[in-house]
Amino acid sequence: MTKKRKPLNNDDNLAKQFVYGEPITPLFKQNKPQEVEPPPKETTIRLTVDLAESMHRKLSILAARTGKKKAEIIRMLLDEALQDVED
């Protein structure tokens, strides 16, 4: 003898949608997020730099410890070094 399937509760909308293909009625009305225009990006230029192997190793260790990318660290250092330079 097979067991009868337990009936779905009226509150279980997700199960109804899965079993019967009925759409879920949202519990609350969602407002569309306002589209915010991102600030215009400055164009980037690629720069290739030769580093000593020991310096590259230290940079890699710093990146691993801080969880930042090597490029982020180099950009931060360059920003700091170039603060006094006027455009």
C-alpha atoms as a PDB file:
ATOM      1  CA  MET A   1       0.000   0.000   0.000  1.00  0.00           C
ATOM      2  CA  THR A   2       1.408   3.393  -0.955  1.00  0.00           C
ATOM      3  CA  LYS A   3       1.321   6.348   1.347  1.00  0.00           C
ATOM      4  CA  LYS A   4      -0.857   9.270   0.406  1.00  0.00           C
ATOM      5  CA  ARG A   5       0.999  12.444  -0.330  1.00  0.00           C
ATOM      6  CA  LYS A   6       0.673  15.076   2.344  1.00  0.00           C
ATOM      7  CA  PRO A   7      -1.401  18.039   1.045  1.00  0.00           C
ATOM      8  CA  LEU A   8       0.381  21.351   0.608  1.00  0.00           C
ATOM      9  CA  ASN A   9      -0.437  24.139   3.019  1.00  0.00           C
ATOM     10  CA  ASN A  10      -1.956  27.272   1.590  1.00  0.00           C
ATOM     11  CA  ASP A  11       1.011  29.180   3.007  1.00  0.00           C
ATOM     12  CA  ASP A  12       3.618  27.231   1.058  1.00  0.00           C
ATOM     13  CA  ASN A  13       3.667  29.248  -2.178  1.00  0.00           C
ATOM     14  CA  LEU A  14       7.132  28.098  -3.203  1.00  0.00           C
ATOM     15  CA  ALA A  15       6.096  24.451  -3.040  1.00  0.00           C
ATOM     16  CA  LYS A  16       2.917  25.223  -5.016  1.00  0.00           C
ATOM     17  CA  GLN A  17       4.931  26.856  -7.750  1.00  0.00           C
ATOM     18  CA  PHE A  18       7.308  23.905  -7.901  1.00  0.00           C
ATOM     19  CA  VAL A  19       4.607  21.229  -7.876  1.00  0.00           C
ATOM     20  CA  TYR A  20       1.844  22.885  -9.888  1.00  0.00           C
ATOM     21  CA  GLY A  21       3.758  25.493 -11.862  1.00  0.00           C
ATOM     22  CA  GLU A  22       1.705  28.279 -10.296  1.00  0.00           C
ATOM     23  CA  PRO A  23       3.312  31.699 -10.073  1.00  0.00           C
ATOM     24  CA  ILE A  24       4.234  32.919  -6.617  1.00  0.00           C
ATOM     25  CA  THR A  25       2.344  35.932  -5.359  1.00  0.00           C
ATOM     26  CA  PRO A  26       4.870  38.316  -3.844  1.00  0.00           C
ATOM     27  CA  LEU A  27       4.490  39.039  -0.148  1.00  0.00           C
ATOM     28  CA  PHE A  28       5.293  42.718  -0.670  1.00  0.00           C
ATOM     29  CA  LYS A  29       5.623  45.030  -3.605  1.00  0.00           C
ATOM     30  CA  GLN A  30       9.194  45.541  -4.721  1.00  0.00           C
ATOM     31  CA  ASN A  31      10.216  48.965  -5.892  1.00  0.00           C
ATOM     32  CA  LYS A  32      12.536  49.095  -8.850  1.00  0.00           C
ATOM     33  CA  PRO A  33      15.936  50.390  -7.846  1.00  0.00           C
ATOM     34  CA  GLN A  34      16.674  53.823  -9.175  1.00  0.00           C
ATOM     35  CA  GLU A  35      19.260  53.718 -11.887  1.00  0.00           C
ATOM     36  CA  VAL A  36      22.280  55.651 -10.791  1.00  0.00           C
ATOM     37  CA  GLU A  37      24.682  56.754 -13.456  1.00  0.00           C
ATOM     38  CA  PRO A  38      28.212  55.799 -12.546  1.00  0.00           C
ATOM     39  CA  PRO A  39      30.751  58.592 -12.728  1.00  0.00           C
ATOM     40  CA  PRO A  40      32.503  58.698 -16.091  1.00  0.00           C
ATOM     41  CA  LYS A  41      35.540  56.449 -16.074  1.00  0.00           C
ATOM     42  CA  GLU A  42      38.896  57.856 -16.939  1.00  0.00           C
ATOM     43  CA  THR A  43      40.562  55.987 -19.770  1.00  0.00           C
ATOM     44  CA  THR A  44      43.310  53.645 -18.673  1.00  0.00           C
ATOM     45  CA  ILE A  45      46.754  53.074 -20.120  1.00  0.00           C
ATOM     46  CA  ARG A  46      48.674  49.835 -19.662  1.00  0.00           C
ATOM     47  CA  LEU A  47      52.129  50.133 -18.126  1.00  0.00           C
ATOM     48  CA  THR A  48      54.743  47.392 -18.090  1.00  0.00           C
ATOM     49  CA  VAL A  49      57.332  47.510 -15.322  1.00  0.00           C
ATOM     50  CA  ASP A  50      60.325  45.249 -14.768  1.00  0.00           C
ATOM     51  CA  LEU A  51      60.767  44.361 -11.082  1.00  0.00           C
ATOM     52  CA  ALA A  52      63.543  42.563  -9.302  1.00  0.00           C
ATOM     53  CA  GLU A  53      62.516  39.035  -8.390  1.00  0.00           C
ATOM     54  CA  SER A  54      62.808  39.798  -4.666  1.00  0.00           C
ATOM     55  CA  MET A  55      60.587  42.889  -5.003  1.00  0.00           C
ATOM     56  CA  HIS A  56      57.984  40.889  -6.928  1.00  0.00           C
ATOM     57  CA  ARG A  57      58.036  38.185  -4.254  1.00  0.00           C
ATOM     58  CA  LYS A  58      57.477  40.792  -1.517  1.00  0.00           C
ATOM     59  CA  LEU A  59      54.643  42.330  -3.534  1.00  0.00           C
ATOM     60  CA  SER A  60      53.050  38.890  -3.893  1.00  0.00           C
ATOM     61  CA  ILE A  61      53.332  38.260  -0.147  1.00  0.00           C
ATOM     62  CA  LEU A  62      51.788  41.656   0.637  1.00  0.00           C
ATOM     63  CA  ALA A  63      48.942  40.983  -1.797  1.00  0.00           C
ATOM     64  CA  ALA A  64      48.265  37.596  -0.197  1.00  0.00           C
ATOM     65  CA  ARG A  65      48.324  39.021   3.340  1.00  0.00           C
ATOM     66  CA  THR A  66      46.036  41.950   2.573  1.00  0.00           C
ATOM     67  CA  GLY A  67      43.729  40.161   0.141  1.00  0.00           C
ATOM     68  CA  LYS A  68      44.294  42.876  -2.460  1.00  0.00           C
ATOM     69  CA  LYS A  69      45.444  42.494  -6.016  1.00  0.00           C
ATOM     70  CA  LYS A  70      48.996  43.448  -6.876  1.00  0.00           C
ATOM     71  CA  ALA A  71      47.703  46.094  -9.278  1.00  0.00           C
ATOM     72  CA  GLU A  72      45.615  47.665  -6.477  1.00  0.00           C
ATOM     73  CA  ILE A  73      48.662  47.885  -4.216  1.00  0.00           C
ATOM     74  CA  ILE A  74      50.770  49.455  -6.961  1.00  0.00           C
ATOM     75  CA  ARG A  75      48.003  51.965  -7.765  1.00  0.00           C
ATOM     76  CA  MET A  76      47.768  52.923  -4.080  1.00  0.00           C
ATOM     77  CA  LEU A  77      51.529  53.437  -3.878  1.00  0.00           C
ATOM     78  CA  LEU A  78      51.543  55.500  -7.074  1.00  0.00           C
ATOM     79  CA  ASP A  79      48.617  57.625  -5.854  1.00  0.00           C
ATOM     80  CA  GLU A  80      50.505  58.345  -2.654  1.00  0.00           C
ATOM     81  CA  ALA A  81      53.749  59.155  -4.489  1.00  0.00           C
ATOM     82  CA  LEU A  82      52.010  61.423  -7.033  1.00  0.00           C
ATOM     83  CA  GLN A  83      49.816  63.444  -4.634  1.00  0.00           C
ATOM     84  CA  ASP A  84      52.016  66.530  -4.853  1.00  0.00           C
ATOM     85  CA  VAL A  85      52.254  66.495  -8.657  1.00  0.00           C
ATOM     86  CA  GLU A  86      49.840  68.905 -10.328  1.00  0.00           C
ATOM     87  CA  ASP A  87      47.989  67.986 -13.532  1.00  0.00           C
END
